[in-house]
Structures are given as structure tokens and as C-alpha cells.
Amino acid sequence: MPVGFGNVKSFLTDSLKKSGGNIGYGIAPMYRGKGYGKLLLHLLLQKANEAGVEKALLTIAPDNLPSIAVAMANGGTFAEETDEYVRVWVDTCQ
């Protein structure tokens, strides 16, 4: 079973700016809380940088506190919070 998966989008459409962002990832339930999300996001930020993205947008459900913490642990800064999502920008040049 894979530990997790991720993807990087090198550009943002209007739709992705609202929901989706540049980076998406997920960690299998049995591996959550063990640091894999933080590591995976770090690696995805490196790939985004290689693709020419200087700041990556992540959109996260407001009740997904572990993902918000992972984004913050990777240098994220809050851009906006609504009832539907939290938008976080992360510098890819880390």
C-alpha cells in the first residue's frame, strides 16, 4: 500500500485559484500523524520550484487542521479563510 500521493500543477486557472491550488496530496490513514505529510509536501514544493512555480497555493478544508499544520510547517502563510476553504501560499524556494 502506498504511504501517500501528490500532484503539482505548474499554473493556476481561475477555478484552481478558488479550489485546488498548485499542490494536492494525501496520506493513507494508517500513516497519518507520522510526519509523512510534512515530508511529502516539502518534496512537492521542490518539484513545483523545478516547474517554475515560486509560490504555491494550497486550498485546504477549514476543518482539516492536520493539513493546515503541515502547510504552516512548510512555511505557509494564510491568504484567506472562508467557510469553504483556507488558502495558504508557500514559498517553493526553501
PDB file of N, CA and C in Angstrom:
ATOM      1  N   MET A   1       0.849  -1.181   0.000  1.00  0.00           N
ATOM      2  CA  MET A   1       0.000   0.000   0.000  1.00  0.00           C
ATOM      3  C   MET A   1       0.889   1.238   0.000  1.00  0.00           C
ATOM      4  N   PRO A   2       0.604   2.196  -0.878  1.00  0.00           N
ATOM      5  CA  PRO A   2       1.372   3.442  -0.878  1.00  0.00           C
ATOM      6  C   PRO A   2       1.134   4.236   0.410  1.00  0.00           C
ATOM      7  N   VAL A   3       2.155   4.965   0.831  1.00  0.00           N
ATOM      8  CA  VAL A   3       2.035   5.834   2.001  1.00  0.00           C
ATOM      9  C   VAL A   3       1.195   7.050   1.643  1.00  0.00           C
ATOM     10  N   GLY A   4       1.405   7.606   0.461  1.00  0.00           N
ATOM     11  CA  GLY A   4       0.671   8.786   0.051  1.00  0.00           C
ATOM     12  C   GLY A   4       0.857   9.050  -1.424  1.00  0.00           C
ATOM     13  N   PHE A   5       0.260  10.122  -1.874  1.00  0.00           N
ATOM     14  CA  PHE A   5       0.358  10.532  -3.271  1.00  0.00           C
ATOM     15  C   PHE A   5       0.333  12.051  -3.317  1.00  0.00           C
ATOM     16  N   GLY A   6       0.754  12.614  -4.431  1.00  0.00           N
ATOM     17  CA  GLY A   6       0.699  14.062  -4.579  1.00  0.00           C
ATOM     18  C   GLY A   6       0.762  14.460  -6.028  1.00  0.00           C
ATOM     19  N   ASN A   7       0.371  15.708  -6.290  1.00  0.00           N
ATOM     20  CA  ASN A   7       0.480  16.246  -7.634  1.00  0.00           C
ATOM     21  C   ASN A   7       0.813  17.727  -7.571  1.00  0.00           C
ATOM     22  N   VAL A   8       1.438  18.196  -8.628  1.00  0.00           N
ATOM     23  CA  VAL A   8       1.822  19.604  -8.758  1.00  0.00           C
ATOM     24  C   VAL A   8       1.244  20.136 -10.052  1.00  0.00           C
ATOM     25  N   LYS A   9       0.607  21.277  -9.975  1.00  0.00           N
ATOM     26  CA  LYS A   9       0.114  21.973 -11.161  1.00  0.00           C
ATOM     27  C   LYS A   9       0.980  23.223 -11.329  1.00  0.00           C
ATOM     28  N   SER A  10       1.600  23.367 -12.486  1.00  0.00           N
ATOM     29  CA  SER A  10       2.553  24.462 -12.677  1.00  0.00           C
ATOM     30  C   SER A  10       1.879  25.793 -12.987  1.00  0.00           C
ATOM     31  N   PHE A  11       0.570  25.790 -13.207  1.00  0.00           N
ATOM     32  CA  PHE A  11      -0.149  27.039 -13.450  1.00  0.00           C
ATOM     33  C   PHE A  11      -1.513  26.956 -12.770  1.00  0.00           C
ATOM     34  N   LEU A  12      -2.104  28.101 -12.542  1.00  0.00           N
ATOM     35  CA  LEU A  12      -3.397  28.162 -11.868  1.00  0.00           C
ATOM     36  C   LEU A  12      -4.456  28.731 -12.798  1.00  0.00           C
ATOM     37  N   THR A  13      -5.530  28.006 -12.984  1.00  0.00           N
ATOM     38  CA  THR A  13      -6.701  28.533 -13.666  1.00  0.00           C
ATOM     39  C   THR A  13      -7.521  29.308 -12.628  1.00  0.00           C
ATOM     40  N   ASP A  14      -8.536  30.020 -13.087  1.00  0.00           N
ATOM     41  CA  ASP A  14      -9.408  30.718 -12.140  1.00  0.00           C
ATOM     42  C   ASP A  14     -10.050  29.725 -11.172  1.00  0.00           C
ATOM     43  N   SER A  15     -10.417  28.568 -11.678  1.00  0.00           N
ATOM     44  CA  SER A  15     -11.029  27.543 -10.841  1.00  0.00           C
ATOM     45  C   SER A  15     -10.050  27.017  -9.792  1.00  0.00           C
ATOM     46  N   LEU A  16      -8.795  26.763 -10.191  1.00  0.00           N
ATOM     47  CA  LEU A  16      -7.793  26.264  -9.248  1.00  0.00           C
ATOM     48  C   LEU A  16      -7.414  27.316  -8.209  1.00  0.00           C
ATOM     49  N   LYS A  17      -7.514  28.587  -8.566  1.00  0.00           N
ATOM     50  CA  LYS A  17      -7.237  29.645  -7.595  1.00  0.00           C
ATOM     51  C   LYS A  17      -8.256  29.610  -6.461  1.00  0.00           C
ATOM     52  N   LYS A  18      -9.480  29.200  -6.794  1.00  0.00           N
ATOM     53  CA  LYS A  18     -10.530  29.131  -5.778  1.00  0.00           C
ATOM     54  C   LYS A  18     -10.453  27.821  -4.982  1.00  0.00           C
ATOM     55  N   SER A  19     -10.268  26.711  -5.696  1.00  0.00           N
ATOM     56  CA  SER A  19     -10.252  25.415  -5.037  1.00  0.00           C
ATOM     57  C   SER A  19      -9.324  24.480  -5.802  1.00  0.00           C
ATOM     58  N   GLY A  20      -8.330  23.980  -5.130  1.00  0.00           N
ATOM     59  CA  GLY A  20      -7.390  23.054  -5.755  1.00  0.00           C
ATOM     60  C   GLY A  20      -5.950  23.503  -5.610  1.00  0.00           C
ATOM     61  N   GLY A  21      -5.671  24.725  -6.015  1.00  0.00           N
ATOM     62  CA  GLY A  21      -4.327  25.269  -5.871  1.00  0.00           C
ATOM     63  C   GLY A  21      -3.303  24.577  -6.750  1.00  0.00           C
ATOM     64  N   ASN A  22      -2.027  24.826  -6.454  1.00  0.00           N
ATOM     65  CA  ASN A  22      -0.917  24.237  -7.209  1.00  0.00           C
ATOM     66  C   ASN A  22      -0.585  22.818  -6.767  1.00  0.00           C
ATOM     67  N   ILE A  23      -0.855  22.504  -5.522  1.00  0.00           N
ATOM     68  CA  ILE A  23      -0.411  21.230  -4.970  1.00  0.00           C
ATOM     69  C   ILE A  23      -1.569  20.531  -4.277  1.00  0.00           C
ATOM     70  N   GLY A  24      -1.656  19.238  -4.546  1.00  0.00           N
ATOM     71  CA  GLY A  24      -2.606  18.387  -3.843  1.00  0.00           C
ATOM     72  C   GLY A  24      -1.867  17.158  -3.350  1.00  0.00           C
ATOM     73  N   TYR A  25      -2.262  16.644  -2.205  1.00  0.00           N
ATOM     74  CA  TYR A  25      -1.608  15.440  -1.688  1.00  0.00           C
ATOM     75  C   TYR A  25      -2.534  14.753  -0.692  1.00  0.00           C
ATOM     76  N   GLY A  26      -2.232  13.506  -0.443  1.00  0.00           N
ATOM     77  CA  GLY A  26      -2.988  12.751   0.546  1.00  0.00           C
ATOM     78  C   GLY A  26      -2.097  11.676   1.152  1.00  0.00           C
ATOM     79  N   ILE A  27      -2.346  11.378   2.379  1.00  0.00           N
ATOM     80  CA  ILE A  27      -1.605  10.342   3.107  1.00  0.00           C
ATOM     81  C   ILE A  27      -2.613   9.264   3.524  1.00  0.00           C
ATOM     82  N   ALA A  28      -2.250   8.006   3.306  1.00  0.00           N
ATOM     83  CA  ALA A  28      -3.121   6.897   3.699  1.00  0.00           C
ATOM     84  C   ALA A  28      -3.397   6.970   5.201  1.00  0.00           C
ATOM     85  N   PRO A  29      -4.625   6.694   5.609  1.00  0.00           N
ATOM     86  CA  PRO A  29      -4.991   6.837   7.025  1.00  0.00           C
ATOM     87  C   PRO A  29      -4.034   6.178   8.008  1.00  0.00           C
ATOM     88  N   MET A  30      -3.531   4.994   7.708  1.00  0.00           N
ATOM     89  CA  MET A  30      -2.674   4.302   8.665  1.00  0.00           C
ATOM     90  C   MET A  30      -1.309   4.966   8.835  1.00  0.00           C
ATOM     91  N   TYR A  31      -0.963   5.919   7.939  1.00  0.00           N
ATOM     92  CA  TYR A  31       0.331   6.595   8.022  1.00  0.00           C
ATOM     93  C   TYR A  31       0.215   8.043   8.488  1.00  0.00           C
ATOM     94  N   ARG A  32      -0.981   8.508   8.751  1.00  0.00           N
ATOM     95  CA  ARG A  32      -1.170   9.898   9.171  1.00  0.00           C
ATOM     96  C   ARG A  32      -0.602  10.126  10.565  1.00  0.00           C
ATOM     97  N   GLY A  33      -0.147  11.351  10.798  1.00  0.00           N
ATOM     98  CA  GLY A  33       0.384  11.720  12.104  1.00  0.00           C
ATOM     99  C   GLY A  33       1.803  11.244  12.348  1.00  0.00           C
ATOM    100  N   LYS A  34       2.493  10.818  11.299  1.00  0.00           N
ATOM    101  CA  LYS A  34       3.848  10.284  11.449  1.00  0.00           C
ATOM    102  C   LYS A  34       4.893  11.115  10.701  1.00  0.00           C
ATOM    103  N   GLY A  35       4.483  12.289  10.196  1.00  0.00           N
ATOM    104  CA  GLY A  35       5.436  13.165   9.523  1.00  0.00           C
ATOM    105  C   GLY A  35       5.514  13.003   8.016  1.00  0.00           C
ATOM    106  N   TYR A  36       4.782  12.032   7.466  1.00  0.00           N
ATOM    107  CA  TYR A  36       4.850  11.807   6.028  1.00  0.00           C
ATOM    108  C   TYR A  36       4.244  12.963   5.227  1.00  0.00           C
ATOM    109  N   GLY A  37       3.192  13.566   5.747  1.00  0.00           N
ATOM    110  CA  GLY A  37       2.567  14.697   5.051  1.00  0.00           C
ATOM    111  C   GLY A  37       3.526  15.867   4.930  1.00  0.00           C
ATOM    112  N   LYS A  38       4.215  16.165   6.007  1.00  0.00           N
ATOM    113  CA  LYS A  38       5.184  17.263   6.001  1.00  0.00           C
ATOM    114  C   LYS A  38       6.290  16.990   4.983  1.00  0.00           C
ATOM    115  N   LEU A  39       6.800  15.770   4.974  1.00  0.00           N
ATOM    116  CA  LEU A  39       7.853  15.402   4.031  1.00  0.00           C
ATOM    117  C   LEU A  39       7.332  15.422   2.594  1.00  0.00           C
ATOM    118  N   LEU A  40       6.164  14.864   2.370  1.00  0.00           N
ATOM    119  CA  LEU A  40       5.609  14.835   1.019  1.00  0.00           C
ATOM    120  C   LEU A  40       5.380  16.244   0.492  1.00  0.00           C
ATOM    121  N   LEU A  41       4.819  17.124   1.321  1.00  0.00           N
ATOM    122  CA  LEU A  41       4.610  18.500   0.866  1.00  0.00           C
ATOM    123  C   LEU A  41       5.942  19.168   0.564  1.00  0.00           C
ATOM    124  N   HIS A  42       6.935  18.948   1.382  1.00  0.00           N
ATOM    125  CA  HIS A  42       8.273  19.508   1.128  1.00  0.00           C
ATOM    126  C   HIS A  42       8.792  19.059  -0.243  1.00  0.00           C
ATOM    127  N   LEU A  43       8.660  17.775  -0.542  1.00  0.00           N
ATOM    128  CA  LEU A  43       9.119  17.254  -1.834  1.00  0.00           C
ATOM    129  C   LEU A  43       8.302  17.821  -2.993  1.00  0.00           C
ATOM    130  N   LEU A  44       7.000  17.970  -2.795  1.00  0.00           N
ATOM    131  CA  LEU A  44       6.152  18.547  -3.832  1.00  0.00           C
ATOM    132  C   LEU A  44       6.491  20.014  -4.074  1.00  0.00           C
ATOM    133  N   LEU A  45       6.848  20.737  -3.021  1.00  0.00           N
ATOM    134  CA  LEU A  45       7.277  22.133  -3.183  1.00  0.00           C
ATOM    135  C   LEU A  45       8.560  22.207  -4.000  1.00  0.00           C
ATOM    136  N   GLN A  46       9.467  21.266  -3.794  1.00  0.00           N
ATOM    137  CA  GLN A  46      10.694  21.219  -4.606  1.00  0.00           C
ATOM    138  C   GLN A  46      10.348  20.987  -6.072  1.00  0.00           C
ATOM    139  N   LYS A  47       9.440  20.081  -6.347  1.00  0.00           N
ATOM    140  CA  LYS A  47       9.018  19.807  -7.726  1.00  0.00           C
ATOM    141  C   LYS A  47       8.324  21.019  -8.334  1.00  0.00           C
ATOM    142  N   ALA A  48       7.523  21.711  -7.544  1.00  0.00           N
ATOM    143  CA  ALA A  48       6.864  22.922  -8.036  1.00  0.00           C
ATOM    144  C   ALA A  48       7.912  23.969  -8.407  1.00  0.00           C
ATOM    145  N   ASN A  49       8.927  24.104  -7.583  1.00  0.00           N
ATOM    146  CA  ASN A  49      10.006  25.042  -7.866  1.00  0.00           C
ATOM    147  C   ASN A  49      10.708  24.672  -9.173  1.00  0.00           C
ATOM    148  N   GLU A  50      10.987  23.397  -9.353  1.00  0.00           N
ATOM    149  CA  GLU A  50      11.615  22.934 -10.592  1.00  0.00           C
ATOM    150  C   GLU A  50      10.750  23.228 -11.815  1.00  0.00           C
ATOM    151  N   ALA A  51       9.431  23.276 -11.625  1.00  0.00           N
ATOM    152  CA  ALA A  51       8.493  23.564 -12.712  1.00  0.00           C
ATOM    153  C   ALA A  51       8.302  25.067 -12.924  1.00  0.00           C
ATOM    154  N   GLY A  52       9.007  25.882 -12.127  1.00  0.00           N
ATOM    155  CA  GLY A  52       8.928  27.329 -12.301  1.00  0.00           C
ATOM    156  C   GLY A  52       7.944  28.046 -11.405  1.00  0.00           C
ATOM    157  N   VAL A  53       7.357  27.346 -10.452  1.00  0.00           N
ATOM    158  CA  VAL A  53       6.418  27.959  -9.511  1.00  0.00           C
ATOM    159  C   VAL A  53       7.222  28.519  -8.338  1.00  0.00           C
ATOM    160  N   GLU A  54       7.111  29.832  -8.095  1.00  0.00           N
ATOM    161  CA  GLU A  54       7.845  30.446  -6.983  1.00  0.00           C
ATOM    162  C   GLU A  54       7.057  30.401  -5.680  1.00  0.00           C
ATOM    163  N   LYS A  55       5.744  30.572  -5.766  1.00  0.00           N
ATOM    164  CA  LYS A  55       4.858  30.473  -4.610  1.00  0.00           C
ATOM    165  C   LYS A  55       3.716  29.553  -4.993  1.00  0.00           C
ATOM    166  N   ALA A  56       3.515  28.545  -4.178  1.00  0.00           N
ATOM    167  CA  ALA A  56       2.468  27.559  -4.443  1.00  0.00           C
ATOM    168  C   ALA A  56       1.249  27.846  -3.579  1.00  0.00           C
ATOM    169  N   LEU A  57       0.091  27.716  -4.182  1.00  0.00           N
ATOM    170  CA  LEU A  57      -1.171  27.886  -3.471  1.00  0.00           C
ATOM    171  C   LEU A  57      -1.705  26.527  -3.056  1.00  0.00           C
ATOM    172  N   LEU A  58      -2.088  26.425  -1.796  1.00  0.00           N
ATOM    173  CA  LEU A  58      -2.779  25.240  -1.287  1.00  0.00           C
ATOM    174  C   LEU A  58      -4.144  25.685  -0.815  1.00  0.00           C
ATOM    175  N   THR A  59      -5.167  24.940  -1.165  1.00  0.00           N
ATOM    176  CA  THR A  59      -6.504  25.210  -0.630  1.00  0.00           C
ATOM    177  C   THR A  59      -6.879  24.008   0.237  1.00  0.00           C
ATOM    178  N   ILE A  60      -7.280  24.290   1.455  1.00  0.00           N
ATOM    179  CA  ILE A  60      -7.481  23.251   2.457  1.00  0.00           C
ATOM    180  C   ILE A  60      -8.837  23.465   3.120  1.00  0.00           C
ATOM    181  N   ALA A  61      -9.542  22.384   3.375  1.00  0.00           N
ATOM    182  CA  ALA A  61     -10.804  22.488   4.108  1.00  0.00           C
ATOM    183  C   ALA A  61     -10.517  23.057   5.499  1.00  0.00           C
ATOM    184  N   PRO A  62     -11.330  24.007   5.963  1.00  0.00           N
ATOM    185  CA  PRO A  62     -11.045  24.651   7.255  1.00  0.00           C
ATOM    186  C   PRO A  62     -11.042  23.709   8.448  1.00  0.00           C
ATOM    187  N   ASP A  63     -11.705  22.567   8.339  1.00  0.00           N
ATOM    188  CA  ASP A  63     -11.706  21.618   9.455  1.00  0.00           C
ATOM    189  C   ASP A  63     -10.566  20.600   9.362  1.00  0.00           C
ATOM    190  N   ASN A  64      -9.732  20.711   8.326  1.00  0.00           N
ATOM    191  CA  ASN A  64      -8.600  19.793   8.160  1.00  0.00           C
ATOM    192  C   ASN A  64      -7.367  20.392   8.841  1.00  0.00           C
ATOM    193  N   LEU A  65      -7.411  20.423  10.149  1.00  0.00           N
ATOM    194  CA  LEU A  65      -6.334  21.047  10.930  1.00  0.00           C
ATOM    195  C   LEU A  65      -4.970  20.399  10.712  1.00  0.00           C
ATOM    196  N   PRO A  66      -4.881  19.069  10.553  1.00  0.00           N
ATOM    197  CA  PRO A  66      -3.557  18.491  10.278  1.00  0.00           C
ATOM    198  C   PRO A  66      -2.937  19.012   8.979  1.00  0.00           C
ATOM    199  N   SER A  67      -3.737  19.162   7.923  1.00  0.00           N
ATOM    200  CA  SER A  67      -3.190  19.679   6.659  1.00  0.00           C
ATOM    201  C   SER A  67      -2.798  21.143   6.780  1.00  0.00           C
ATOM    202  N   ILE A  68      -3.555  21.906   7.527  1.00  0.00           N
ATOM    203  CA  ILE A  68      -3.184  23.308   7.755  1.00  0.00           C
ATOM    204  C   ILE A  68      -1.855  23.357   8.502  1.00  0.00           C
ATOM    205  N   ALA A  69      -1.696  22.492   9.501  1.00  0.00           N
ATOM    206  CA  ALA A  69      -0.436  22.442  10.258  1.00  0.00           C
ATOM    207  C   ALA A  69       0.732  22.039   9.364  1.00  0.00           C
ATOM    208  N   VAL A  70       0.513  21.096   8.448  1.00  0.00           N
ATOM    209  CA  VAL A  70       1.565  20.676   7.512  1.00  0.00           C
ATOM    210  C   VAL A  70       1.975  21.846   6.623  1.00  0.00           C
ATOM    211  N   ALA A  71       0.993  22.584   6.123  1.00  0.00           N
ATOM    212  CA  ALA A  71       1.294  23.746   5.280  1.00  0.00           C
ATOM    213  C   ALA A  71       2.091  24.790   6.062  1.00  0.00           C
ATOM    214  N   MET A  72       1.687  25.048   7.303  1.00  0.00           N
ATOM    215  CA  MET A  72       2.397  26.029   8.129  1.00  0.00           C
ATOM    216  C   MET A  72       3.813  25.549   8.452  1.00  0.00           C
ATOM    217  N   ALA A  73       3.974  24.255   8.689  1.00  0.00           N
ATOM    218  CA  ALA A  73       5.295  23.700   8.998  1.00  0.00           C
ATOM    219  C   ALA A  73       6.245  23.799   7.805  1.00  0.00           C
ATOM    220  N   ASN A  74       5.677  23.948   6.615  1.00  0.00           N
ATOM    221  CA  ASN A  74       6.479  24.112   5.410  1.00  0.00           C
ATOM    222  C   ASN A  74       6.588  25.573   4.987  1.00  0.00           C
ATOM    223  N   GLY A  75       6.317  26.480   5.914  1.00  0.00           N
ATOM    224  CA  GLY A  75       6.498  27.909   5.646  1.00  0.00           C
ATOM    225  C   GLY A  75       5.296  28.616   5.079  1.00  0.00           C
ATOM    226  N   GLY A  76       4.127  28.021   5.188  1.00  0.00           N
ATOM    227  CA  GLY A  76       2.916  28.617   4.632  1.00  0.00           C
ATOM    228  C   GLY A  76       2.483  29.884   5.338  1.00  0.00           C
ATOM    229  N   THR A  77       1.805  30.749   4.589  1.00  0.00           N
ATOM    230  CA  THR A  77       1.202  31.954   5.143  1.00  0.00           C
ATOM    231  C   THR A  77      -0.260  32.000   4.701  1.00  0.00           C
ATOM    232  N   PHE A  78      -1.140  32.318   5.641  1.00  0.00           N
ATOM    233  CA  PHE A  78      -2.564  32.408   5.327  1.00  0.00           C
ATOM    234  C   PHE A  78      -2.815  33.530   4.337  1.00  0.00           C
ATOM    235  N   ALA A  79      -3.645  33.233   3.334  1.00  0.00           N
ATOM    236  CA  ALA A  79      -4.060  34.255   2.377  1.00  0.00           C
ATOM    237  C   ALA A  79      -5.521  34.628   2.603  1.00  0.00           C
ATOM    238  N   GLU A  80      -6.328  33.612   2.895  1.00  0.00           N
ATOM    239  CA  GLU A  80      -7.767  33.848   3.041  1.00  0.00           C
ATOM    240  C   GLU A  80      -8.391  32.637   3.726  1.00  0.00           C
ATOM    241  N   GLU A  81      -9.419  32.895   4.503  1.00  0.00           N
ATOM    242  CA  GLU A  81     -10.170  31.806   5.119  1.00  0.00           C
ATOM    243  C   GLU A  81     -11.650  32.084   4.967  1.00  0.00           C
ATOM    244  N   THR A  82     -12.379  31.092   4.472  1.00  0.00           N
ATOM    245  CA  THR A  82     -13.830  31.189   4.342  1.00  0.00           C
ATOM    246  C   THR A  82     -14.433  29.953   5.006  1.00  0.00           C
ATOM    247  N   ASP A  83     -15.739  29.817   4.925  1.00  0.00           N
ATOM    248  CA  ASP A  83     -16.392  28.621   5.453  1.00  0.00           C
ATOM    249  C   ASP A  83     -16.044  27.391   4.619  1.00  0.00           C
ATOM    250  N   GLU A  84     -15.631  27.610   3.352  1.00  0.00           N
ATOM    251  CA  GLU A  84     -15.381  26.508   2.428  1.00  0.00           C
ATOM    252  C   GLU A  84     -13.921  26.072   2.366  1.00  0.00           C
ATOM    253  N   TYR A  85     -12.991  26.998   2.546  1.00  0.00           N
ATOM    254  CA  TYR A  85     -11.579  26.666   2.373  1.00  0.00           C
ATOM    255  C   TYR A  85     -10.672  27.667   3.065  1.00  0.00           C
ATOM    256  N   VAL A  86      -9.464  27.221   3.293  1.00  0.00           N
ATOM    257  CA  VAL A  86      -8.374  28.080   3.753  1.00  0.00           C
ATOM    258  C   VAL A  86      -7.372  28.115   2.610  1.00  0.00           C
ATOM    259  N   ARG A  87      -6.993  29.290   2.179  1.00  0.00           N
ATOM    260  CA  ARG A  87      -5.989  29.437   1.126  1.00  0.00           C
ATOM    261  C   ARG A  87      -4.666  29.784   1.789  1.00  0.00           C
ATOM    262  N   VAL A  88      -3.626  29.000   1.442  1.00  0.00           N
ATOM    263  CA  VAL A  88      -2.292  29.179   2.026  1.00  0.00           C
ATOM    264  C   VAL A  88      -1.289  29.265   0.884  1.00  0.00           C
ATOM    265  N   TRP A  89      -0.405  30.249   0.942  1.00  0.00           N
ATOM    266  CA  TRP A  89       0.705  30.368  -0.015  1.00  0.00           C
ATOM    267  C   TRP A  89       1.969  29.861   0.651  1.00  0.00           C
ATOM    268  N   VAL A  90       2.769  29.108  -0.123  1.00  0.00           N
ATOM    269  CA  VAL A  90       4.025  28.574   0.392  1.00  0.00           C
ATOM    270  C   VAL A  90       5.120  28.880  -0.621  1.00  0.00           C
ATOM    271  N   ASP A  91       6.197  29.495  -0.155  1.00  0.00           N
ATOM    272  CA  ASP A  91       7.353  29.760  -0.994  1.00  0.00           C
ATOM    273  C   ASP A  91       8.007  28.433  -1.363  1.00  0.00           C
ATOM    274  N   THR A  92       8.274  28.207  -2.639  1.00  0.00           N
ATOM    275  CA  THR A  92       8.874  26.944  -3.063  1.00  0.00           C
ATOM    276  C   THR A  92      10.392  26.963  -3.015  1.00  0.00           C
ATOM    277  N   CYS A  93      10.974  28.108  -2.720  1.00  0.00           N
ATOM    278  CA  CYS A  93      12.445  28.244  -2.693  1.00  0.00           C
ATOM    279  C   CYS A  93      12.961  28.046  -1.273  1.00  0.00           C
ATOM    280  N   GLN A  94      12.740  26.878  -0.709  1.00  0.00           N
ATOM    281  CA  GLN A  94      13.139  26.616   0.680  1.00  0.00           C
ATOM    282  C   GLN A  94      14.385  25.766   0.717  1.00  0.00           C
TER     283      GLN A  94
END
